[in-house]
Amino acid sequence: MEARRCILIGAPVQEGAGRPGCDMGPSALRAAGLREALRELGFEVEDRGNVTPPPPPPITHPNPAVKQLPEVAAWTRALAEAAFEASGAGFPIFLGGDHSLSAGTVAGVARHMAQEGRGLFVLWLDAHADFHTLETTTSGNLHGTPLACLTGQPGFTPFMPELAARVRPENVCMLGLRSVDPAERIALNEAGVTVCDMRAVDEEGLAPLLRAFLKRVAAADGVLHVSLDVDFLDPDIAPGVGTTVPGGATLREAHLAMEILHDSGLVRSLDLVELNPFLDERGRTAHLLVDLAASLMGRRIFDRQTRSFLQ
């Protein structure tokens, strides 16, 4: 892998969400200066544009609540292929798009890492578990299912593309949870996923929880994919998302997480998901995501510039 090369891949997916607007996320992140921020850090940046899915397959599911399954399946297939190709050429950053995109991006990265002989770990920064299956979802919105899908939970075959390499549930850490449905809670316990909800963050601190997980990744000689959902953040600082839950990570907690991740040297790919510019305030959330991505890629606190109120 070319360590100083970032590959931007737009994933304008909104079929998995309950309201429109996420398809504008990639454009908002580009307009907020993601490419420029990465170049300032010394990276070569290749923007491969937006992925285009194939025609959706003619599939239906017995659960009548499930929405847009053919479209999400098509996106998953296309993004898995794009992620697999990009993972061998640099550090892929996937610009979302709702969180259903991770069923494809993580699957593609996992396939590449399996060929390298490396185990893939996933850090899921989110208010929600996204661990519903096609049978248990009641909303039918498939941005609530990607983590169950990519860890190979039952019921996704033959409706979703077959996994070339699944992520082991014990290789997943969820950080920042504060809205989990009963069916997901049972499934998470049975699967062995590491869950650090906001109570754990409040009681133990974000840094010790994150470092404990990173220690496990390093001990296994693994690599890490980070999937950052806007609603991991408190809506007071990140309003541009359709699934706000009060009590999320503060600005400083979020930057601390990114800085610790950078220092670990373990991160090989990144999702930026659920940005809905239609709900944002003058690009506030898009700029914050760009700042967090820059922290993950090496920008230090002393390097930050003052942003004027009118900017």
C-alpha atoms as a PDB file:
ATOM      1  CA  MET A   1       0.000   0.000   0.000  1.00  0.00           C
ATOM      2  CA  GLU A   2       1.136   3.525  -0.756  1.00  0.00           C
ATOM      3  CA  ALA A   3       0.881   4.951   2.745  1.00  0.00           C
ATOM      4  CA  ARG A   4       0.913   8.597   1.660  1.00  0.00           C
ATOM      5  CA  ARG A   5      -1.825   8.223  -0.923  1.00  0.00           C
ATOM      6  CA  CYS A   6      -5.493   8.805  -0.093  1.00  0.00           C
ATOM      7  CA  ILE A   7      -8.233   7.629  -2.432  1.00  0.00           C
ATOM      8  CA  LEU A   8     -11.592   9.397  -2.200  1.00  0.00           C
ATOM      9  CA  ILE A   9     -14.621   7.379  -3.277  1.00  0.00           C
ATOM     10  CA  GLY A  10     -18.067   8.932  -3.285  1.00  0.00           C
ATOM     11  CA  ALA A  11     -20.971   6.734  -2.213  1.00  0.00           C
ATOM     12  CA  PRO A  12     -24.127   8.833  -2.715  1.00  0.00           C
ATOM     13  CA  VAL A  13     -26.412   6.230  -1.155  1.00  0.00           C
ATOM     14  CA  GLN A  14     -29.689   7.317   0.388  1.00  0.00           C
ATOM     15  CA  GLU A  15     -31.842   4.255  -0.230  1.00  0.00           C
ATOM     16  CA  GLY A  16     -30.957   2.836   3.188  1.00  0.00           C
ATOM     17  CA  ALA A  17     -32.092   5.903   5.130  1.00  0.00           C
ATOM     18  CA  GLY A  18     -35.530   7.007   6.190  1.00  0.00           C
ATOM     19  CA  ARG A  19     -35.365  10.448   4.604  1.00  0.00           C
ATOM     20  CA  PRO A  20     -33.690  11.898   1.496  1.00  0.00           C
ATOM     21  CA  GLY A  21     -30.570  14.044   1.465  1.00  0.00           C
ATOM     22  CA  CYS A  22     -27.646  11.708   2.160  1.00  0.00           C
ATOM     23  CA  ASP A  23     -26.945  11.452  -1.547  1.00  0.00           C
ATOM     24  CA  MET A  24     -25.608  15.016  -1.338  1.00  0.00           C
ATOM     25  CA  GLY A  25     -23.062  14.029   1.328  1.00  0.00           C
ATOM     26  CA  PRO A  26     -20.101  13.336  -0.994  1.00  0.00           C
ATOM     27  CA  SER A  27     -20.469  16.707  -2.696  1.00  0.00           C
ATOM     28  CA  ALA A  28     -20.676  18.479   0.659  1.00  0.00           C
ATOM     29  CA  LEU A  29     -17.502  16.805   1.935  1.00  0.00           C
ATOM     30  CA  ARG A  30     -15.652  17.741  -1.234  1.00  0.00           C
ATOM     31  CA  ALA A  31     -16.931  21.325  -1.020  1.00  0.00           C
ATOM     32  CA  ALA A  32     -15.863  21.487   2.641  1.00  0.00           C
ATOM     33  CA  GLY A  33     -12.265  20.936   1.553  1.00  0.00           C
ATOM     34  CA  LEU A  34     -11.445  17.303   2.288  1.00  0.00           C
ATOM     35  CA  ARG A  35      -9.022  16.993  -0.620  1.00  0.00           C
ATOM     36  CA  GLU A  36      -7.254  20.222   0.326  1.00  0.00           C
ATOM     37  CA  ALA A  37      -6.970  19.225   3.999  1.00  0.00           C
ATOM     38  CA  LEU A  38      -5.333  15.920   3.065  1.00  0.00           C
ATOM     39  CA  ARG A  39      -2.919  17.577   0.666  1.00  0.00           C
ATOM     40  CA  GLU A  40      -1.865  20.018   3.376  1.00  0.00           C
ATOM     41  CA  LEU A  41      -0.885  16.977   5.427  1.00  0.00           C
ATOM     42  CA  GLY A  42       1.396  15.794   2.640  1.00  0.00           C
ATOM     43  CA  PHE A  43      -0.833  13.166   1.061  1.00  0.00           C
ATOM     44  CA  GLU A  44      -1.246  12.537  -2.614  1.00  0.00           C
ATOM     45  CA  VAL A  45      -5.000  12.540  -3.183  1.00  0.00           C
ATOM     46  CA  GLU A  46      -6.822  10.683  -5.919  1.00  0.00           C
ATOM     47  CA  ASP A  47     -10.546  11.360  -6.204  1.00  0.00           C
ATOM     48  CA  ARG A  48     -12.167   8.502  -8.080  1.00  0.00           C
ATOM     49  CA  GLY A  49     -15.534  10.240  -8.206  1.00  0.00           C
ATOM     50  CA  ASN A  50     -18.798   8.631  -7.215  1.00  0.00           C
ATOM     51  CA  VAL A  51     -19.571   4.931  -7.499  1.00  0.00           C
ATOM     52  CA  THR A  52     -22.466   4.058  -9.790  1.00  0.00           C
ATOM     53  CA  PRO A  53     -24.415   0.923  -8.840  1.00  0.00           C
ATOM     54  CA  PRO A  54     -25.536  -1.685 -11.378  1.00  0.00           C
ATOM     55  CA  PRO A  55     -29.248  -2.199 -12.085  1.00  0.00           C
ATOM     56  CA  PRO A  56     -30.944  -3.497  -8.925  1.00  0.00           C
ATOM     57  CA  PRO A  57     -31.624  -7.238  -8.876  1.00  0.00           C
ATOM     58  CA  PRO A  58     -35.257  -8.448  -8.841  1.00  0.00           C
ATOM     59  CA  ILE A  59     -35.419  -9.561  -5.195  1.00  0.00           C
ATOM     60  CA  THR A  60     -38.021  -9.340  -2.446  1.00  0.00           C
ATOM     61  CA  HIS A  61     -37.947 -10.320   1.207  1.00  0.00           C
ATOM     62  CA  PRO A  62     -40.666 -11.972   3.317  1.00  0.00           C
ATOM     63  CA  ASN A  63     -40.456  -9.141   5.870  1.00  0.00           C
ATOM     64  CA  PRO A  64     -42.843  -6.553   4.389  1.00  0.00           C
ATOM     65  CA  ALA A  65     -41.167  -3.751   6.343  1.00  0.00           C
ATOM     66  CA  VAL A  66     -37.899  -4.028   4.370  1.00  0.00           C
ATOM     67  CA  LYS A  67     -37.434  -1.060   2.052  1.00  0.00           C
ATOM     68  CA  GLN A  68     -35.293  -0.602  -1.065  1.00  0.00           C
ATOM     69  CA  LEU A  69     -33.608  -4.002  -0.747  1.00  0.00           C
ATOM     70  CA  PRO A  70     -32.760  -4.373  -4.459  1.00  0.00           C
ATOM     71  CA  GLU A  71     -31.202  -0.909  -4.552  1.00  0.00           C
ATOM     72  CA  VAL A  72     -29.153  -1.438  -1.384  1.00  0.00           C
ATOM     73  CA  ALA A  73     -27.985  -4.841  -2.660  1.00  0.00           C
ATOM     74  CA  ALA A  74     -26.805  -3.203  -5.894  1.00  0.00           C
ATOM     75  CA  TRP A  75     -24.946  -0.488  -3.997  1.00  0.00           C
ATOM     76  CA  THR A  76     -23.355  -3.101  -1.742  1.00  0.00           C
ATOM     77  CA  ARG A  77     -22.001  -5.064  -4.690  1.00  0.00           C
ATOM     78  CA  ALA A  78     -20.591  -1.974  -6.429  1.00  0.00           C
ATOM     79  CA  LEU A  79     -19.012  -0.521  -3.295  1.00  0.00           C
ATOM     80  CA  ALA A  80     -17.447  -3.831  -2.294  1.00  0.00           C
ATOM     81  CA  GLU A  81     -15.670  -3.985  -5.641  1.00  0.00           C
ATOM     82  CA  ALA A  82     -14.558  -0.333  -5.454  1.00  0.00           C
ATOM     83  CA  ALA A  83     -13.288  -0.825  -1.900  1.00  0.00           C
ATOM     84  CA  PHE A  84     -11.376  -3.976  -2.818  1.00  0.00           C
ATOM     85  CA  GLU A  85      -9.610  -2.221  -5.703  1.00  0.00           C
ATOM     86  CA  ALA A  86      -8.799   0.920  -3.692  1.00  0.00           C
ATOM     87  CA  SER A  87      -7.476  -0.952  -0.660  1.00  0.00           C
ATOM     88  CA  GLY A  88      -4.489  -2.165  -2.635  1.00  0.00           C
ATOM     89  CA  ALA A  89      -3.641   1.278  -3.976  1.00  0.00           C
ATOM     90  CA  GLY A  90      -3.723   3.559  -0.939  1.00  0.00           C
ATOM     91  CA  PHE A  91      -5.840   4.672   2.002  1.00  0.00           C
ATOM     92  CA  PRO A  92      -9.484   4.677   0.867  1.00  0.00           C
ATOM     93  CA  ILE A  93     -11.897   7.219   2.325  1.00  0.00           C
ATOM     94  CA  PHE A  94     -15.532   6.538   1.487  1.00  0.00           C
ATOM     95  CA  LEU A  95     -17.763   9.600   1.339  1.00  0.00           C
ATOM     96  CA  GLY A  96     -21.363   8.827   2.252  1.00  0.00           C
ATOM     97  CA  GLY A  97     -24.138   8.415   1.892  1.00  0.00           C
ATOM     98  CA  ASP A  98     -26.149   6.562   4.528  1.00  0.00           C
ATOM     99  CA  HIS A  99     -24.618   3.846   6.687  1.00  0.00           C
ATOM    100  CA  SER A 100     -25.919   0.986   4.549  1.00  0.00           C
ATOM    101  CA  LEU A 101     -22.868   1.696   2.367  1.00  0.00           C
ATOM    102  CA  SER A 102     -20.602   0.034   4.952  1.00  0.00           C
ATOM    103  CA  ALA A 103     -21.991  -3.387   4.057  1.00  0.00           C
ATOM    104  CA  GLY A 104     -20.066  -2.906   0.827  1.00  0.00           C
ATOM    105  CA  THR A 105     -17.054  -0.822   1.813  1.00  0.00           C
ATOM    106  CA  VAL A 106     -16.048  -2.958   4.785  1.00  0.00           C
ATOM    107  CA  ALA A 107     -16.658  -6.184   2.851  1.00  0.00           C
ATOM    108  CA  GLY A 108     -14.345  -4.986   0.086  1.00  0.00           C
ATOM    109  CA  VAL A 109     -11.616  -3.945   2.492  1.00  0.00           C
ATOM    110  CA  ALA A 110     -11.939  -7.260   4.369  1.00  0.00           C
ATOM    111  CA  ARG A 111     -11.521  -9.167   1.117  1.00  0.00           C
ATOM    112  CA  HIS A 112      -8.280  -7.324   0.338  1.00  0.00           C
ATOM    113  CA  MET A 113      -6.910  -7.768   3.847  1.00  0.00           C
ATOM    114  CA  ALA A 114      -7.690 -11.487   3.738  1.00  0.00           C
ATOM    115  CA  GLN A 115      -5.517 -11.711   0.636  1.00  0.00           C
ATOM    116  CA  GLU A 116      -2.748  -9.943   2.572  1.00  0.00           C
ATOM    117  CA  GLY A 117      -3.201 -12.419   5.402  1.00  0.00           C
ATOM    118  CA  ARG A 118      -4.291  -9.696   7.831  1.00  0.00           C
ATOM    119  CA  GLY A 119      -7.348  -9.763  10.042  1.00  0.00           C
ATOM    120  CA  LEU A 120      -9.664  -6.766   9.699  1.00  0.00           C
ATOM    121  CA  PHE A 121     -11.006  -5.051  12.812  1.00  0.00           C
ATOM    122  CA  VAL A 122     -13.787  -2.444  12.704  1.00  0.00           C
ATOM    123  CA  LEU A 123     -14.372   0.558  14.957  1.00  0.00           C
ATOM    124  CA  TRP A 124     -18.041   1.550  14.667  1.00  0.00           C
ATOM    125  CA  LEU A 125     -18.507   5.145  15.872  1.00  0.00           C
ATOM    126  CA  ASP A 126     -22.262   5.533  16.000  1.00  0.00           C
ATOM    127  CA  ALA A 127     -25.252   6.269  18.214  1.00  0.00           C
ATOM    128  CA  HIS A 128     -26.892   3.129  16.820  1.00  0.00           C
ATOM    129  CA  ALA A 129     -25.786  -0.485  16.646  1.00  0.00           C
ATOM    130  CA  ASP A 130     -26.926  -1.083  13.032  1.00  0.00           C
ATOM    131  CA  PHE A 131     -27.114  -4.773  13.983  1.00  0.00           C
ATOM    132  CA  HIS A 132     -30.607  -5.607  12.792  1.00  0.00           C
ATOM    133  CA  THR A 133     -31.078  -8.424  10.318  1.00  0.00           C
ATOM    134  CA  LEU A 134     -33.559  -8.395   7.449  1.00  0.00           C
ATOM    135  CA  GLU A 135     -35.902 -10.372   9.707  1.00  0.00           C
ATOM    136  CA  THR A 136     -35.656  -8.214  12.838  1.00  0.00           C
ATOM    137  CA  THR A 137     -35.827  -4.721  11.348  1.00  0.00           C
ATOM    138  CA  THR A 138     -39.168  -3.056  12.019  1.00  0.00           C
ATOM    139  CA  SER A 139     -38.440   0.285  10.368  1.00  0.00           C
ATOM    140  CA  GLY A 140     -37.238  -1.476   7.212  1.00  0.00           C
ATOM    141  CA  ASN A 141     -34.527   1.155   6.732  1.00  0.00           C
ATOM    142  CA  LEU A 142     -31.432  -0.812   5.776  1.00  0.00           C
ATOM    143  CA  HIS A 143     -28.939   1.661   7.225  1.00  0.00           C
ATOM    144  CA  GLY A 144     -29.798  -0.196  10.424  1.00  0.00           C
ATOM    145  CA  THR A 145     -28.426  -3.525   9.125  1.00  0.00           C
ATOM    146  CA  PRO A 146     -24.877  -3.163   7.674  1.00  0.00           C
ATOM    147  CA  LEU A 147     -22.870  -4.383  10.653  1.00  0.00           C
ATOM    148  CA  ALA A 148     -25.002  -7.507  10.975  1.00  0.00           C
ATOM    149  CA  CYS A 149     -24.564  -8.101   7.259  1.00  0.00           C
ATOM    150  CA  LEU A 150     -20.786  -7.716   7.073  1.00  0.00           C
ATOM    151  CA  THR A 151     -20.250  -9.902  10.145  1.00  0.00           C
ATOM    152  CA  GLY A 152     -22.204 -12.710   8.501  1.00  0.00           C
ATOM    153  CA  GLN A 153     -25.271 -12.789  10.729  1.00  0.00           C
ATOM    154  CA  PRO A 154     -28.064 -15.130   9.562  1.00  0.00           C
ATOM    155  CA  GLY A 155     -30.681 -14.209   6.996  1.00  0.00           C
ATOM    156  CA  PHE A 156     -28.809 -12.004   4.509  1.00  0.00           C
ATOM    157  CA  THR A 157     -28.218 -14.817   2.018  1.00  0.00           C
ATOM    158  CA  PRO A 158     -29.367 -14.906  -0.769  1.00  0.00           C
ATOM    159  CA  PHE A 159     -30.711 -11.365  -0.628  1.00  0.00           C
ATOM    160  CA  MET A 160     -27.414  -9.502  -0.251  1.00  0.00           C
ATOM    161  CA  PRO A 161     -24.161 -10.184  -2.138  1.00  0.00           C
ATOM    162  CA  GLU A 162     -22.173 -13.091  -0.746  1.00  0.00           C
ATOM    163  CA  LEU A 163     -19.262 -12.104   1.509  1.00  0.00           C
ATOM    164  CA  ALA A 164     -15.816 -12.994   0.194  1.00  0.00           C
ATOM    165  CA  ALA A 165     -14.434 -12.389   3.702  1.00  0.00           C
ATOM    166  CA  ARG A 166     -16.622 -11.660   6.692  1.00  0.00           C
ATOM    167  CA  VAL A 167     -15.515  -9.605   9.672  1.00  0.00           C
ATOM    168  CA  ARG A 168     -15.474 -11.651  12.868  1.00  0.00           C
ATOM    169  CA  PRO A 169     -17.929 -10.109  15.384  1.00  0.00           C
ATOM    170  CA  GLU A 170     -15.287 -10.234  18.126  1.00  0.00           C
ATOM    171  CA  ASN A 171     -13.163  -7.961  15.906  1.00  0.00           C
ATOM    172  CA  VAL A 172     -15.759  -5.178  16.148  1.00  0.00           C
ATOM    173  CA  CYS A 173     -15.896  -2.408  18.728  1.00  0.00           C
ATOM    174  CA  MET A 174     -18.883  -0.094  18.921  1.00  0.00           C
ATOM    175  CA  LEU A 175     -18.156   3.212  20.593  1.00  0.00           C
ATOM    176  CA  GLY A 176     -20.719   5.866  21.480  1.00  0.00           C
ATOM    177  CA  LEU A 177     -23.916   3.800  21.422  1.00  0.00           C
ATOM    178  CA  ARG A 178     -26.985   5.319  23.021  1.00  0.00           C
ATOM    179  CA  SER A 179     -29.939   4.002  20.981  1.00  0.00           C
ATOM    180  CA  VAL A 180     -30.142   0.207  20.678  1.00  0.00           C
ATOM    181  CA  ASP A 181     -33.274  -1.835  19.989  1.00  0.00           C
ATOM    182  CA  PRO A 182     -34.025  -4.929  22.129  1.00  0.00           C
ATOM    183  CA  ALA A 183     -33.438  -7.380  19.249  1.00  0.00           C
ATOM    184  CA  GLU A 184     -30.071  -5.787  18.548  1.00  0.00           C
ATOM    185  CA  ARG A 185     -29.066  -5.921  22.203  1.00  0.00           C
ATOM    186  CA  ILE A 186     -29.667  -9.684  22.299  1.00  0.00           C
ATOM    187  CA  ALA A 187     -27.845 -10.251  19.005  1.00  0.00           C
ATOM    188  CA  LEU A 188     -24.830  -8.176  20.069  1.00  0.00           C
ATOM    189  CA  ASN A 189     -24.453 -10.163  23.288  1.00  0.00           C
ATOM    190  CA  GLU A 190     -24.714 -13.475  21.457  1.00  0.00           C
ATOM    191  CA  ALA A 191     -22.268 -12.435  18.718  1.00  0.00           C
ATOM    192  CA  GLY A 192     -19.562 -11.182  21.082  1.00  0.00           C
ATOM    193  CA  VAL A 193     -19.248  -7.644  19.752  1.00  0.00           C
ATOM    194  CA  THR A 194     -17.438  -5.209  22.076  1.00  0.00           C
ATOM    195  CA  VAL A 195     -19.940  -2.509  23.053  1.00  0.00           C
ATOM    196  CA  CYS A 196     -18.879   0.771  24.672  1.00  0.00           C
ATOM    197  CA  ASP A 197     -21.953   2.916  25.104  1.00  0.00           C
ATOM    198  CA  MET A 198     -21.941   6.534  26.234  1.00  0.00           C
ATOM    199  CA  ARG A 199     -22.373   5.501  29.869  1.00  0.00           C
ATOM    200  CA  ALA A 200     -19.095   3.595  29.602  1.00  0.00           C
ATOM    201  CA  VAL A 201     -17.499   6.654  27.991  1.00  0.00           C
ATOM    202  CA  ASP A 202     -18.784   8.848  30.824  1.00  0.00           C
ATOM    203  CA  GLU A 203     -17.656   6.459  33.573  1.00  0.00           C
ATOM    204  CA  GLU A 204     -14.335   5.217  32.200  1.00  0.00           C
ATOM    205  CA  GLY A 205     -13.316   7.831  29.646  1.00  0.00           C
ATOM    206  CA  LEU A 206     -13.025   7.537  25.887  1.00  0.00           C
ATOM    207  CA  ALA A 207      -9.250   7.159  25.750  1.00  0.00           C
ATOM    208  CA  PRO A 208      -8.927   4.028  27.966  1.00  0.00           C
ATOM    209  CA  LEU A 209     -11.772   2.282  26.128  1.00  0.00           C
ATOM    210  CA  LEU A 210     -10.325   3.042  22.712  1.00  0.00           C
ATOM    211  CA  ARG A 211      -6.766   2.158  23.672  1.00  0.00           C
ATOM    212  CA  ALA A 212      -7.897  -1.198  25.060  1.00  0.00           C
ATOM    213  CA  PHE A 213      -9.443  -2.064  21.702  1.00  0.00           C
ATOM    214  CA  LEU A 214      -6.409  -0.845  19.760  1.00  0.00           C
ATOM    215  CA  LYS A 215      -4.207  -2.999  21.947  1.00  0.00           C
ATOM    216  CA  ARG A 216      -6.219  -6.026  20.839  1.00  0.00           C
ATOM    217  CA  VAL A 217      -5.874  -5.051  17.180  1.00  0.00           C
ATOM    218  CA  ALA A 218      -2.113  -4.670  17.512  1.00  0.00           C
ATOM    219  CA  ALA A 219      -1.737  -7.948  19.425  1.00  0.00           C
ATOM    220  CA  ALA A 220      -3.491  -9.782  16.593  1.00  0.00           C
ATOM    221  CA  ASP A 221      -1.337  -8.051  13.944  1.00  0.00           C
ATOM    222  CA  GLY A 222      -4.600  -6.736  12.550  1.00  0.00           C
ATOM    223  CA  VAL A 223      -5.575  -3.615  10.667  1.00  0.00           C
ATOM    224  CA  LEU A 224      -8.464  -1.284  11.376  1.00  0.00           C
ATOM    225  CA  HIS A 225     -11.355   0.167   9.413  1.00  0.00           C
ATOM    226  CA  VAL A 226     -13.079   3.168  11.031  1.00  0.00           C
ATOM    227  CA  SER A 227     -16.736   3.810  10.241  1.00  0.00           C
ATOM    228  CA  LEU A 228     -17.711   7.280  11.475  1.00  0.00           C
ATOM    229  CA  ASP A 229     -21.415   8.112  11.555  1.00  0.00           C
ATOM    230  CA  VAL A 230     -22.345  11.759  12.051  1.00  0.00           C
ATOM    231  CA  ASP A 231     -24.718  10.803  14.862  1.00  0.00           C
ATOM    232  CA  PHE A 232     -21.768   9.553  16.932  1.00  0.00           C
ATOM    233  CA  LEU A 233     -21.384  13.273  17.602  1.00  0.00           C
ATOM    234  CA  ASP A 234     -23.670  15.327  19.772  1.00  0.00           C
ATOM    235  CA  PRO A 235     -26.315  17.057  17.601  1.00  0.00           C
ATOM    236  CA  ASP A 236     -25.368  20.402  19.162  1.00  0.00           C
ATOM    237  CA  ILE A 237     -22.109  20.288  17.197  1.00  0.00           C
ATOM    238  CA  ALA A 238     -23.245  18.131  14.240  1.00  0.00           C
ATOM    239  CA  PRO A 239     -26.860  18.871  13.243  1.00  0.00           C
ATOM    240  CA  GLY A 240     -26.567  17.618   9.653  1.00  0.00           C
ATOM    241  CA  VAL A 241     -27.943  14.108  10.161  1.00  0.00           C
ATOM    242  CA  GLY A 242     -31.406  12.586  10.032  1.00  0.00           C
ATOM    243  CA  THR A 243     -30.970  10.335  13.099  1.00  0.00           C
ATOM    244  CA  THR A 244     -29.940  12.668  15.910  1.00  0.00           C
ATOM    245  CA  VAL A 245     -29.690  11.283  19.438  1.00  0.00           C
ATOM    246  CA  PRO A 246     -28.819  13.652  22.315  1.00  0.00           C
ATOM    247  CA  GLY A 247     -25.770  12.997  24.459  1.00  0.00           C
ATOM    248  CA  GLY A 248     -23.207  12.173  21.805  1.00  0.00           C
ATOM    249  CA  ALA A 249     -19.476  12.734  21.680  1.00  0.00           C
ATOM    250  CA  THR A 250     -18.243  16.264  22.244  1.00  0.00           C
ATOM    251  CA  LEU A 251     -15.940  18.084  19.864  1.00  0.00           C
ATOM    252  CA  ARG A 252     -12.923  17.384  22.032  1.00  0.00           C
ATOM    253  CA  GLU A 253     -13.810  13.713  22.566  1.00  0.00           C
ATOM    254  CA  ALA A 254     -14.185  13.210  18.833  1.00  0.00           C
ATOM    255  CA  HIS A 255     -10.839  14.831  18.034  1.00  0.00           C
ATOM    256  CA  LEU A 256      -9.178  12.883  20.825  1.00  0.00           C
ATOM    257  CA  ALA A 257     -10.482   9.635  19.324  1.00  0.00           C
ATOM    258  CA  MET A 258      -9.115  10.594  15.902  1.00  0.00           C
ATOM    259  CA  GLU A 259      -5.724  11.571  17.313  1.00  0.00           C
ATOM    260  CA  ILE A 260      -5.406   8.306  19.247  1.00  0.00           C
ATOM    261  CA  LEU A 261      -6.350   6.374  16.123  1.00  0.00           C
ATOM    262  CA  HIS A 262      -3.686   8.164  14.107  1.00  0.00           C
ATOM    263  CA  ASP A 263      -1.047   7.528  16.753  1.00  0.00           C
ATOM    264  CA  SER A 264      -1.841   3.804  16.678  1.00  0.00           C
ATOM    265  CA  GLY A 265      -0.766   3.451  13.048  1.00  0.00           C
ATOM    266  CA  LEU A 266      -3.403   0.733  12.596  1.00  0.00           C
ATOM    267  CA  VAL A 267      -6.071   2.460  10.510  1.00  0.00           C
ATOM    268  CA  ARG A 268      -6.176   1.554   6.821  1.00  0.00           C
ATOM    269  CA  SER A 269      -9.587   2.845   5.662  1.00  0.00           C
ATOM    270  CA  LEU A 270     -12.387   5.203   6.672  1.00  0.00           C
ATOM    271  CA  ASP A 271     -16.137   5.700   6.157  1.00  0.00           C
ATOM    272  CA  LEU A 272     -17.716   9.128   6.616  1.00  0.00           C
ATOM    273  CA  VAL A 273     -21.447   8.456   6.679  1.00  0.00           C
ATOM    274  CA  GLU A 274     -24.942   9.821   7.245  1.00  0.00           C
ATOM    275  CA  LEU A 275     -24.096  13.452   6.422  1.00  0.00           C
ATOM    276  CA  ASN A 276     -27.311  15.059   5.216  1.00  0.00           C
ATOM    277  CA  PRO A 277     -26.484  18.568   3.911  1.00  0.00           C
ATOM    278  CA  PHE A 278     -30.196  19.351   3.627  1.00  0.00           C
ATOM    279  CA  LEU A 279     -30.337  19.299   7.443  1.00  0.00           C
ATOM    280  CA  ASP A 280     -27.005  21.031   8.056  1.00  0.00           C
ATOM    281  CA  GLU A 281     -26.315  24.641   9.078  1.00  0.00           C
ATOM    282  CA  ARG A 282     -24.145  26.449   6.521  1.00  0.00           C
ATOM    283  CA  GLY A 283     -21.916  23.415   6.061  1.00  0.00           C
ATOM    284  CA  ARG A 284     -21.137  23.170   9.762  1.00  0.00           C
ATOM    285  CA  THR A 285     -21.295  19.374   9.986  1.00  0.00           C
ATOM    286  CA  ALA A 286     -19.448  18.834   6.716  1.00  0.00           C
ATOM    287  CA  HIS A 287     -16.577  21.044   7.900  1.00  0.00           C
ATOM    288  CA  LEU A 288     -16.462  19.163  11.205  1.00  0.00           C
ATOM    289  CA  LEU A 289     -16.205  15.807   9.429  1.00  0.00           C
ATOM    290  CA  VAL A 290     -13.355  17.152   7.316  1.00  0.00           C
ATOM    291  CA  ASP A 291     -11.588  18.352  10.471  1.00  0.00           C
ATOM    292  CA  LEU A 292     -12.031  14.948  12.111  1.00  0.00           C
ATOM    293  CA  ALA A 293     -10.734  13.146   9.037  1.00  0.00           C
ATOM    294  CA  ALA A 294      -7.693  15.442   9.091  1.00  0.00           C
ATOM    295  CA  SER A 295      -7.106  14.562  12.761  1.00  0.00           C
ATOM    296  CA  LEU A 296      -7.258  10.876  11.909  1.00  0.00           C
ATOM    297  CA  MET A 297      -4.726  11.424   9.138  1.00  0.00           C
ATOM    298  CA  GLY A 298      -2.249  13.298  11.324  1.00  0.00           C
ATOM    299  CA  ARG A 299      -3.228  16.910  11.934  1.00  0.00           C
ATOM    300  CA  ARG A 300      -2.230  17.865  15.460  1.00  0.00           C
ATOM    301  CA  ILE A 301      -3.983  20.238  17.827  1.00  0.00           C
ATOM    302  CA  PHE A 302      -1.200  22.810  17.427  1.00  0.00           C
ATOM    303  CA  ASP A 303      -1.776  22.829  13.669  1.00  0.00           C
ATOM    304  CA  ARG A 304      -5.377  24.017  13.818  1.00  0.00           C
ATOM    305  CA  GLN A 305      -6.251  27.340  12.323  1.00  0.00           C
ATOM    306  CA  THR A 306      -8.772  29.737  13.794  1.00  0.00           C
ATOM    307  CA  ARG A 307     -11.986  29.796  11.806  1.00  0.00           C
ATOM    308  CA  SER A 308     -13.830  33.097  11.764  1.00  0.00           C
ATOM    309  CA  PHE A 309     -17.516  33.211  12.604  1.00  0.00           C
ATOM    310  CA  LEU A 310     -18.411  34.309   9.080  1.00  0.00           C
ATOM    311  CA  GLN A 311     -16.304  31.701   7.316  1.00  0.00           C
END
